Amino acid sequence: MRVTVIGTGYVGSVTGACLSFLGHHVTCVDTDEAKIAKWKCGQAPIYEPHLDELVALAGRRGGIEFTTGLAGPARASDVIFIAVGTPPLPDGSPNLTYLESAAHGIGAAIDGSRFRVVVNKSTVPVGSGNLVETLVREGIAEAHPADRHAIHFGVASNPEFLREGCAVADSLYPDRIVVGASDEQTLAIMRDLYRPLLEQSFEPPPGVPRPATATQAPLVATSLTSAEMIKYAANAFLAMKIGFANEIANICERVGAEATEVLQGIGLDSRIGSKFLNAGLGWGGSCFGKDVHALLHTAAEYGYSGKLLQASLDVNTAQRQMVIQKLQEKLFILKGRTIGILGLAFKPDTDDLRDAPSLSIVERLLQMGARVKAYDPIAMNACRALYPDLKIRYCDSPREVAQDADALVLVTEWSEFAALPLAELAALMVKPILVDGRNVFRPESAAAAGFDYTGIGRAPRPPAERRESGASQFRPVSS
């Protein structure tokens, strides 16, 4: 099929690259000329593992193009995805300006030569499918008044469930594909589009092997409204699950229980599951906060107060301040202290800083008069560009962060941090204090390396006599 994808952010670029890899001819459209220029040169403007290679492979096959013009690609396509941003407005509702512009532009571009499916891939509030249909019809009526009754299209809602850092694998080996549609023709076209994924009949790309459990992907066919609600409900549940883990961890810390043991014990219950049941500094990124706020806004429009949803936001906000509290307990006065931050991105394997816990922590430390040093293997350039006034001293290595620091705070659980030589880092510091915001290290190992260690939901560990081998030990934590 011929496919147009409007928007080349995380969702649009990954969707376009994967559909092209599966054999469809894809044109990715964006109004940002600089971004399109980078894509044309083979430079992804975002960091996402394996995305560059997949786009390059699709490009060599002639199956993917990038452009700023919508009219031609939309007119030539069978399926048109809208994957534009829907950033939150001050009241928590999503900004639908880009969605509305894309839908109207599609209507102005298409003709009566074929039936087309317009797909909402953006995360949009309940009722947006009806809005898109109306806007496409208005675009048709304005651009083709004489032919408006001869131009036929369907609207589908096809939410994404991608995790930054493994978005390519999530696209190629999905848990499920949700398609909301109000007519059989639209649903049939979407089923044909995704058939290689549903059947898992394609050869995996290099570097992204098929999991042994990925034999087939179910297609969940729903109404437009239900598909829109599924996306919000899924993200809201995950946000609440993380919030629950942090609430339990905070109680564990007070009563002397070990949060990692408690959460592992309940996660083995098949009704609960271990994924997203990790204590830490809370979630960040572009999805959870935005989607929970949007769902709260929708509920309020219908006279309902989402108390659990609001609580998950409150817990997440408070969790970030746990670092400040723990530093105060260790250092008492933060003014004039040097605090080292390990990790800036909101999660590993991305350079995304949207709603990153690190930024909340850094801003509060600076307000309190502390000096801040930081290292992140990927996100430092993005942080410099997006926050030029943030007074961070960027370092080239964890060792440089530790040098003469009064405390280290691990914020992002990059895999390379798991192998840090803790004894060496402790020896470089003024005060060997380690706040492990993701419970990456074994407390006894950190203490043996000379650190005054504290994690999330763990009893504080004062430094012990260092063993001859001060190497860190890492306990993998499922995510």
Protein backbone atom coordinates (compact mmCIF):
# COMPACT_ATOMS: atom_id res chain seq x y z
CA MET A 1 0.00 0.00 0.00
CA ARG A 2 0.93 3.64 -0.31
CA VAL A 3 1.02 5.33 3.07
CA THR A 4 1.47 8.91 4.25
CA VAL A 5 2.54 9.66 7.81
CA ILE A 6 2.03 13.25 8.98
CA GLY A 7 4.50 14.10 11.74
CA THR A 8 8.05 12.79 12.16
CA GLY A 9 8.42 12.71 15.93
CA TYR A 10 8.88 9.46 17.86
CA VAL A 11 5.55 7.96 16.81
CA GLY A 12 5.48 9.12 13.21
CA SER A 13 9.07 8.27 12.35
CA VAL A 14 8.96 4.81 13.93
CA THR A 15 5.57 4.07 12.35
CA GLY A 16 6.80 5.17 8.93
CA ALA A 17 10.07 3.25 9.15
CA CYS A 18 8.40 0.03 10.29
CA LEU A 19 5.60 0.14 7.70
CA SER A 20 8.19 0.76 4.99
CA PHE A 21 10.28 -2.17 6.25
CA LEU A 22 7.17 -4.35 5.98
CA GLY A 23 6.88 -3.52 2.27
CA HIS A 24 4.61 -0.48 2.09
CA HIS A 25 5.67 2.70 0.29
CA VAL A 26 5.73 5.44 2.93
CA THR A 27 6.02 9.19 2.68
CA CYS A 28 6.70 11.02 5.94
CA VAL A 29 5.51 14.63 6.02
CA ASP A 30 6.48 17.37 8.46
CA THR A 31 6.22 21.17 8.37
CA ASP A 32 9.62 21.48 10.09
CA GLU A 33 12.04 21.96 7.18
CA ALA A 34 15.14 21.47 9.31
CA LYS A 35 13.84 18.14 10.60
CA ILE A 36 13.00 16.91 7.08
CA ALA A 37 16.43 18.00 5.84
CA LYS A 38 18.04 15.84 8.52
CA TRP A 39 15.88 12.85 7.63
CA LYS A 40 16.78 13.23 3.95
CA CYS A 41 20.47 13.18 4.90
CA GLY A 42 19.96 10.03 6.91
CA GLN A 43 20.28 11.81 10.27
CA ALA A 44 17.46 11.11 12.68
CA PRO A 45 16.66 14.27 14.69
CA ILE A 46 15.75 12.05 17.66
CA TYR A 47 17.69 9.31 19.41
CA GLU A 48 15.97 5.94 19.23
CA PRO A 49 17.95 2.68 19.05
CA HIS A 50 17.89 0.98 15.61
CA LEU A 51 15.72 3.69 14.02
CA ASP A 52 18.56 5.08 11.88
CA GLU A 53 19.39 1.63 10.54
CA LEU A 54 15.75 0.83 9.78
CA VAL A 55 15.23 4.10 7.90
CA ALA A 56 18.46 3.56 5.96
CA LEU A 57 17.38 0.02 5.04
CA ALA A 58 13.95 1.26 3.92
CA GLY A 59 15.59 4.07 1.94
CA ARG A 60 17.85 1.66 0.05
CA ARG A 61 14.76 -0.30 -0.90
CA GLY A 62 13.11 2.90 -2.14
CA GLY A 63 10.25 2.47 0.28
CA ILE A 64 10.44 5.68 2.34
CA GLU A 65 10.57 9.37 1.49
CA PHE A 66 10.52 12.62 3.49
CA THR A 67 8.91 15.88 2.44
CA THR A 68 7.28 19.06 3.74
CA GLY A 69 4.44 18.92 1.22
CA LEU A 70 1.24 17.09 2.14
CA ALA A 71 -0.94 17.44 -0.95
CA GLY A 72 0.86 15.07 -3.34
CA PRO A 73 1.53 12.22 -0.90
CA ALA A 74 -1.98 12.37 0.57
CA ARG A 75 -3.59 12.24 -2.86
CA ALA A 76 -1.47 9.21 -3.83
CA SER A 77 -2.03 7.27 -0.60
CA ASP A 78 -4.39 4.55 0.49
CA VAL A 79 -3.82 5.19 4.20
CA ILE A 80 -2.95 8.52 5.82
CA PHE A 81 -1.69 8.55 9.41
CA ILE A 82 -1.94 11.62 11.62
CA ALA A 83 0.94 11.37 14.11
CA VAL A 84 1.34 14.98 15.18
CA GLY A 85 1.94 16.29 18.69
CA THR A 86 -0.92 17.02 21.06
CA PRO A 87 0.88 18.93 23.84
CA PRO A 88 -1.05 19.81 26.99
CA LEU A 89 -2.70 23.19 27.46
CA PRO A 90 -2.60 24.94 30.86
CA ASP A 91 -5.93 23.35 31.86
CA GLY A 92 -4.64 19.84 31.13
CA SER A 93 -6.57 19.36 27.91
CA PRO A 94 -4.56 18.46 24.78
CA ASN A 95 -3.78 21.07 22.17
CA LEU A 96 -5.42 19.81 18.98
CA THR A 97 -4.19 22.60 16.70
CA TYR A 98 -1.79 20.37 14.76
CA LEU A 99 -4.35 17.58 14.52
CA GLU A 100 -6.99 19.95 13.18
CA SER A 101 -4.59 21.43 10.62
CA ALA A 102 -3.57 17.97 9.40
CA ALA A 103 -7.17 16.75 9.07
CA HIS A 104 -8.25 19.85 7.16
CA GLY A 105 -5.18 19.54 4.91
CA ILE A 106 -6.00 15.92 4.12
CA GLY A 107 -9.51 16.90 3.03
CA ALA A 108 -8.13 19.60 0.76
CA ALA A 109 -5.65 17.17 -0.81
CA ILE A 110 -7.59 13.98 -1.52
CA ASP A 111 -9.76 13.31 -4.57
CA GLY A 112 -12.31 10.73 -5.68
CA SER A 113 -9.86 8.34 -7.32
CA ARG A 114 -9.93 5.85 -4.44
CA PHE A 115 -11.27 5.14 -0.95
CA ARG A 116 -8.82 6.27 1.71
CA VAL A 117 -8.44 5.65 5.41
CA VAL A 118 -7.47 8.55 7.67
CA VAL A 119 -5.89 7.19 10.83
CA ASN A 120 -5.56 8.95 14.17
CA LYS A 121 -2.21 7.76 15.51
CA SER A 122 -1.78 10.75 17.81
CA THR A 123 -2.97 10.41 21.38
CA VAL A 124 -6.24 12.29 21.26
CA PRO A 125 -9.20 12.75 23.59
CA VAL A 126 -12.43 10.82 23.28
CA GLY A 127 -14.44 12.15 20.36
CA SER A 128 -11.48 13.12 18.19
CA GLY A 129 -12.40 10.56 15.55
CA ASN A 130 -15.64 12.43 14.95
CA LEU A 131 -13.71 15.72 14.93
CA VAL A 132 -11.25 14.45 12.32
CA GLU A 133 -14.07 13.21 10.10
CA THR A 134 -15.78 16.61 10.28
CA LEU A 135 -12.56 18.50 9.51
CA VAL A 136 -11.69 16.25 6.56
CA ARG A 137 -15.19 16.83 5.15
CA GLU A 138 -14.81 20.57 5.62
CA GLY A 139 -11.48 20.46 3.79
CA ILE A 140 -13.09 18.53 0.95
CA ALA A 141 -16.02 20.94 0.73
CA GLU A 142 -13.74 23.97 0.58
CA ALA A 143 -11.25 22.57 -1.94
CA HIS A 144 -13.60 20.42 -4.06
CA PRO A 145 -17.12 21.85 -3.72
CA ALA A 146 -18.35 20.29 -6.97
CA ASP A 147 -16.94 16.82 -6.20
CA ARG A 148 -17.45 16.65 -2.44
CA HIS A 149 -20.03 13.84 -2.66
CA ALA A 150 -17.73 11.73 -4.86
CA ILE A 151 -14.80 11.70 -2.42
CA HIS A 152 -15.04 8.82 0.05
CA PHE A 153 -12.92 8.05 3.08
CA GLY A 154 -13.04 6.28 6.43
CA VAL A 155 -11.62 7.28 9.81
CA ALA A 156 -9.80 4.92 12.15
CA SER A 157 -8.32 5.31 15.61
CA ASN A 158 -5.09 3.32 15.94
CA PRO A 159 -3.33 4.23 19.21
CA GLU A 160 0.34 3.49 19.72
CA PHE A 161 1.82 1.70 22.71
CA LEU A 162 5.49 2.43 22.15
CA ARG A 163 8.16 2.76 24.81
CA GLU A 164 10.95 5.18 24.01
CA GLY A 165 14.20 3.27 23.87
CA CYS A 166 12.60 0.16 22.38
CA ALA A 167 9.99 1.70 20.07
CA VAL A 168 11.14 -0.23 16.99
CA ALA A 169 10.75 -3.59 18.73
CA ASP A 170 7.41 -2.52 20.20
CA SER A 171 6.19 -1.63 16.70
CA LEU A 172 7.37 -4.82 15.02
CA TYR A 173 6.38 -7.21 17.83
CA PRO A 174 3.31 -5.60 19.44
CA ASP A 175 1.27 -7.04 22.30
CA ARG A 176 -1.83 -6.05 20.34
CA ILE A 177 -2.96 -3.76 17.54
CA VAL A 178 -6.01 -1.70 18.41
CA VAL A 179 -8.13 -0.35 15.56
CA GLY A 180 -11.29 1.64 16.13
CA ALA A 181 -13.50 2.06 13.09
CA SER A 182 -17.15 2.52 12.27
CA ASP A 183 -17.28 0.64 8.94
CA GLU A 184 -16.05 -2.70 7.65
CA GLN A 185 -14.18 -1.28 4.65
CA THR A 186 -11.94 0.84 6.88
CA LEU A 187 -11.31 -2.09 9.22
CA ALA A 188 -10.48 -4.41 6.29
CA ILE A 189 -7.89 -1.97 4.90
CA MET A 190 -6.25 -1.61 8.32
CA ARG A 191 -6.16 -5.37 8.71
CA ASP A 192 -4.44 -5.72 5.33
CA LEU A 193 -1.98 -2.94 6.22
CA TYR A 194 -0.94 -4.70 9.41
CA ARG A 195 -1.16 -8.29 8.17
CA PRO A 196 2.64 -8.88 8.33
CA LEU A 197 2.57 -7.83 12.00
CA LEU A 198 -0.57 -9.80 12.80
CA GLU A 199 0.89 -12.95 11.28
CA GLN A 200 4.55 -12.16 12.16
CA SER A 201 5.40 -13.33 8.66
CA PHE A 202 8.35 -10.97 8.00
CA GLU A 203 12.06 -11.53 8.44
CA PRO A 204 13.27 -9.47 11.45
CA PRO A 205 15.62 -6.58 10.73
CA PRO A 206 19.25 -6.70 11.91
CA GLY A 207 19.62 -5.87 15.58
CA VAL A 208 15.93 -6.26 16.42
CA PRO A 209 15.32 -10.01 16.79
CA ARG A 210 11.84 -11.42 17.16
CA PRO A 211 11.12 -12.50 20.75
CA ALA A 212 10.34 -16.18 21.15
CA THR A 213 6.88 -15.28 22.46
CA ALA A 214 6.00 -13.10 19.43
CA THR A 215 4.20 -15.61 17.24
CA GLN A 216 1.14 -13.55 16.35
CA ALA A 217 -0.32 -10.18 17.34
CA PRO A 218 -4.06 -9.94 18.04
CA LEU A 219 -6.12 -7.27 16.29
CA VAL A 220 -8.52 -5.63 18.72
CA ALA A 221 -11.36 -4.12 16.68
CA THR A 222 -13.42 -1.53 18.54
CA SER A 223 -15.45 1.59 18.05
CA LEU A 224 -13.60 4.86 17.54
CA THR A 225 -14.42 5.98 21.06
CA SER A 226 -13.27 2.75 22.71
CA ALA A 227 -9.94 2.82 20.85
CA GLU A 228 -9.31 6.37 22.03
CA MET A 229 -10.18 5.38 25.58
CA ILE A 230 -7.93 2.30 25.51
CA LYS A 231 -4.85 4.45 24.98
CA TYR A 232 -5.61 6.79 27.87
CA ALA A 233 -6.68 3.96 30.18
CA ALA A 234 -3.49 1.98 29.48
CA ASN A 235 -1.17 4.87 30.26
CA ALA A 236 -3.19 5.90 33.31
CA PHE A 237 -2.97 2.37 34.72
CA LEU A 238 0.79 2.20 34.22
CA ALA A 239 1.22 5.60 35.86
CA MET A 240 -0.85 4.45 38.83
CA LYS A 241 1.12 1.19 39.07
CA ILE A 242 4.40 3.08 39.32
CA GLY A 243 2.83 5.42 41.86
CA PHE A 244 1.66 2.44 43.90
CA ALA A 245 5.18 0.97 43.88
CA ASN A 246 6.56 4.26 45.17
CA GLU A 247 3.91 4.54 47.88
CA ILE A 248 4.76 1.04 49.08
CA ALA A 249 8.48 1.85 48.95
CA ASN A 250 8.00 4.96 51.07
CA ILE A 251 6.15 2.91 53.69
CA CYS A 252 8.81 0.16 53.53
CA GLU A 253 11.50 2.70 54.28
CA ARG A 254 9.67 3.83 57.41
CA VAL A 255 8.95 0.37 58.80
CA GLY A 256 12.30 -1.20 57.91
CA ALA A 257 11.16 -3.45 55.05
CA GLU A 258 13.15 -3.77 51.81
CA ALA A 259 11.06 -2.37 48.96
CA THR A 260 12.80 -4.37 46.23
CA GLU A 261 11.96 -7.59 48.07
CA VAL A 262 8.37 -6.57 48.75
CA LEU A 263 7.73 -5.49 45.16
CA GLN A 264 9.34 -8.63 43.77
CA GLY A 265 7.16 -10.70 46.06
CA ILE A 266 3.92 -9.14 44.91
CA GLY A 267 5.01 -8.89 41.25
CA LEU A 268 5.24 -12.67 41.00
CA ASP A 269 1.48 -12.80 41.46
CA SER A 270 0.15 -13.33 37.94
CA ARG A 271 -2.74 -11.01 38.66
CA ILE A 272 -0.31 -8.17 39.36
CA GLY A 273 2.83 -8.76 37.29
CA SER A 274 6.31 -7.31 37.78
CA LYS A 275 6.44 -4.80 34.93
CA PHE A 276 6.27 -1.13 35.98
CA LEU A 277 6.35 -2.21 39.63
CA ASN A 278 9.66 -0.59 40.51
CA ALA A 279 10.30 2.03 43.16
CA GLY A 280 12.28 5.09 42.18
CA LEU A 281 12.00 8.77 41.35
CA GLY A 282 8.76 8.36 39.41
CA TRP A 283 7.91 8.49 35.75
CA GLY A 284 8.61 11.20 33.22
CA GLY A 285 8.43 11.60 29.46
CA SER A 286 5.80 12.95 27.14
CA CYS A 287 3.00 10.45 27.71
CA PHE A 288 1.99 9.57 31.25
CA GLY A 289 1.56 13.04 32.70
CA LYS A 290 -0.06 14.45 29.58
CA ASP A 291 -2.44 11.53 29.19
CA VAL A 292 -3.48 11.38 32.85
CA HIS A 293 -4.18 15.13 32.80
CA ALA A 294 -6.19 14.73 29.59
CA LEU A 295 -8.22 11.87 31.04
CA LEU A 296 -8.91 13.93 34.17
CA HIS A 297 -10.04 16.80 31.96
CA THR A 298 -12.37 14.51 29.99
CA ALA A 299 -13.81 13.07 33.21
CA ALA A 300 -14.43 16.58 34.55
CA GLU A 301 -16.27 17.53 31.37
CA TYR A 302 -18.71 14.74 32.17
CA GLY A 303 -19.00 15.64 35.85
CA TYR A 304 -16.71 12.94 37.25
CA SER A 305 -13.71 13.41 39.56
CA GLY A 306 -10.91 10.92 38.91
CA LYS A 307 -9.47 10.61 42.42
CA LEU A 308 -7.08 7.74 41.66
CA LEU A 309 -5.79 9.55 38.59
CA GLN A 310 -5.13 12.72 40.54
CA ALA A 311 -3.42 10.76 43.30
CA SER A 312 -1.02 9.20 40.79
CA LEU A 313 0.03 12.68 39.66
CA ASP A 314 0.47 13.88 43.24
CA VAL A 315 2.58 10.87 44.24
CA ASN A 316 4.80 11.28 41.19
CA THR A 317 5.42 14.96 41.89
CA ALA A 318 6.27 14.28 45.53
CA GLN A 319 8.59 11.39 44.66
CA ARG A 320 11.03 13.67 42.88
CA GLN A 321 11.50 15.68 46.05
CA MET A 322 12.58 12.54 47.91
CA VAL A 323 16.08 13.15 46.57
CA ILE A 324 16.20 16.61 48.13
CA GLN A 325 14.96 15.24 51.44
CA LYS A 326 17.56 12.46 51.44
CA LEU A 327 20.36 14.90 50.62
CA GLN A 328 19.25 17.18 53.44
CA GLU A 329 19.25 14.24 55.86
CA LYS A 330 22.85 13.47 54.90
CA LEU A 331 24.29 16.96 54.38
CA PHE A 332 21.87 19.15 56.37
CA ILE A 333 22.81 22.30 54.42
CA LEU A 334 22.77 22.13 50.59
CA LYS A 335 23.86 25.72 49.95
CA GLY A 336 27.38 25.68 48.54
CA ARG A 337 27.47 21.87 48.26
CA THR A 338 28.39 20.18 45.00
CA ILE A 339 25.91 17.53 43.91
CA GLY A 340 26.68 15.14 41.05
CA ILE A 341 23.82 13.91 38.87
CA LEU A 342 24.15 10.63 36.97
CA GLY A 343 21.60 10.61 34.15
CA LEU A 344 19.47 13.38 32.68
CA ALA A 345 17.12 11.64 30.22
CA PHE A 346 13.76 10.62 31.68
CA LYS A 347 14.67 6.97 30.99
CA PRO A 348 17.58 5.01 29.46
CA ASP A 349 18.14 4.66 25.72
CA THR A 350 16.65 8.02 24.80
CA ASP A 351 17.72 11.67 24.80
CA ASP A 352 14.19 12.78 25.68
CA LEU A 353 14.04 15.30 28.54
CA ARG A 354 10.32 15.96 28.53
CA ASP A 355 9.10 15.95 32.13
CA ALA A 356 12.41 14.34 33.18
CA PRO A 357 12.77 13.91 36.96
CA SER A 358 16.37 15.13 36.64
CA LEU A 359 15.21 18.61 35.68
CA SER A 360 12.94 18.96 38.71
CA ILE A 361 15.77 17.81 40.96
CA VAL A 362 18.39 20.06 39.37
CA GLU A 363 16.15 23.12 39.45
CA ARG A 364 15.39 22.59 43.15
CA LEU A 365 19.07 22.08 44.00
CA LEU A 366 20.01 25.28 42.20
CA GLN A 367 17.25 27.18 44.00
CA MET A 368 18.72 25.96 47.29
CA GLY A 369 22.17 27.24 46.39
CA ALA A 370 23.86 23.95 45.48
CA ARG A 371 26.33 23.51 42.64
CA VAL A 372 25.32 20.82 40.13
CA LYS A 373 27.50 18.61 37.94
CA ALA A 374 25.97 16.07 35.56
CA TYR A 375 26.77 13.30 33.13
CA ASP A 376 24.48 11.46 30.70
CA PRO A 377 25.78 9.27 27.87
CA ILE A 378 23.26 10.62 25.33
CA ALA A 379 21.13 13.52 26.61
CA MET A 380 23.67 16.23 27.50
CA ASN A 381 23.60 17.94 24.10
CA ALA A 382 19.81 17.99 24.17
CA CYS A 383 19.89 19.48 27.69
CA ARG A 384 22.35 22.18 26.63
CA ALA A 385 20.18 23.10 23.64
CA LEU A 386 16.81 23.03 25.41
CA TYR A 387 17.89 24.59 28.72
CA PRO A 388 20.77 26.97 27.96
CA ASP A 389 20.22 28.94 31.19
CA LEU A 390 20.30 25.90 33.47
CA LYS A 391 23.52 26.23 35.46
CA ILE A 392 24.78 22.67 35.13
CA ARG A 393 28.44 21.81 34.78
CA TYR A 394 28.40 19.06 32.15
CA CYS A 395 31.04 16.37 32.65
CA ASP A 396 32.64 13.88 30.29
CA SER A 397 32.46 10.90 32.64
CA PRO A 398 31.04 9.69 35.95
CA ARG A 399 34.50 10.08 37.44
CA GLU A 400 34.51 13.77 36.61
CA VAL A 401 31.07 14.08 38.22
CA ALA A 402 32.35 12.41 41.40
CA GLN A 403 35.52 14.50 41.64
CA ASP A 404 35.20 16.79 44.72
CA ALA A 405 31.42 16.22 44.93
CA ASP A 406 29.59 16.13 48.24
CA ALA A 407 27.04 13.60 46.98
CA LEU A 408 26.08 11.59 43.90
CA VAL A 409 22.50 11.06 42.79
CA LEU A 410 21.72 8.32 40.27
CA VAL A 411 18.66 9.53 38.37
CA THR A 412 18.58 7.52 35.11
CA GLU A 413 19.35 3.79 35.13
CA TRP A 414 21.64 3.69 32.09
CA SER A 415 23.22 0.23 31.80
CA GLU A 416 26.75 1.64 31.93
CA PHE A 417 26.09 2.99 35.43
CA ALA A 418 25.56 -0.56 36.69
CA ALA A 419 29.26 -1.30 36.16
CA LEU A 420 30.65 1.84 37.80
CA PRO A 421 33.72 1.30 40.02
CA LEU A 422 32.07 2.57 43.19
CA ALA A 423 35.21 2.44 45.36
CA GLU A 424 37.08 4.63 42.87
CA LEU A 425 34.23 7.15 42.75
CA ALA A 426 33.89 7.27 46.53
CA ALA A 427 37.62 8.00 46.86
CA LEU A 428 37.29 11.05 44.59
CA MET A 429 34.52 12.70 46.61
CA VAL A 430 34.55 15.15 49.49
CA LYS A 431 31.74 13.17 51.12
CA PRO A 432 31.03 9.69 49.67
CA ILE A 433 27.24 9.95 49.73
CA LEU A 434 25.21 8.03 47.12
CA VAL A 435 21.49 8.50 46.61
CA ASP A 436 20.43 5.65 44.33
CA GLY A 437 17.21 6.99 42.81
CA ARG A 438 16.56 3.80 40.82
CA ASN A 439 17.75 1.11 43.25
CA VAL A 440 20.40 -0.01 40.79
CA PHE A 441 23.10 -1.02 43.27
CA ARG A 442 23.13 -3.54 46.06
CA PRO A 443 23.21 -1.51 49.27
CA GLU A 444 25.81 -3.77 50.90
CA SER A 445 28.12 -3.45 47.88
CA ALA A 446 27.86 0.34 47.84
CA ALA A 447 28.53 0.46 51.59
CA ALA A 448 31.50 -1.87 51.24
CA ALA A 449 32.90 0.45 48.56
CA GLY A 450 32.89 3.28 51.09
CA PHE A 451 29.60 4.99 50.26
CA ASP A 452 27.02 6.29 52.67
CA TYR A 453 24.24 4.73 50.62
CA THR A 454 20.51 5.34 50.48
CA GLY A 455 18.02 4.09 47.92
CA ILE A 456 14.26 4.35 47.51
CA GLY A 457 12.37 2.22 50.02
CA ARG A 458 15.59 0.87 51.50
CA ALA A 459 17.18 1.28 54.89
CA PRO A 460 20.19 3.68 54.78
CA ARG A 461 23.58 1.92 54.61
CA PRO A 462 26.54 3.71 56.25
CA PRO A 463 29.96 3.10 54.71
CA ALA A 464 31.76 -0.05 55.75
CA GLU A 465 35.38 -1.06 55.50
CA ARG A 466 36.18 -1.38 51.84
CA ARG A 467 36.89 -4.80 50.47
CA GLU A 468 39.92 -5.30 48.26
CA SER A 469 37.63 -5.43 45.28
CA GLY A 470 35.54 -2.28 45.31
CA ALA A 471 33.72 -3.13 42.11
CA SER A 472 30.02 -2.45 42.10
CA GLN A 473 27.47 -5.20 42.02
CA PHE A 474 24.29 -4.80 40.10
CA ARG A 475 20.95 -6.45 40.66
CA PRO A 476 18.87 -6.30 37.45
CA VAL A 477 15.52 -4.64 37.96
CA SER A 478 12.69 -5.44 35.55
CA SER A 479 10.95 -2.48 33.95
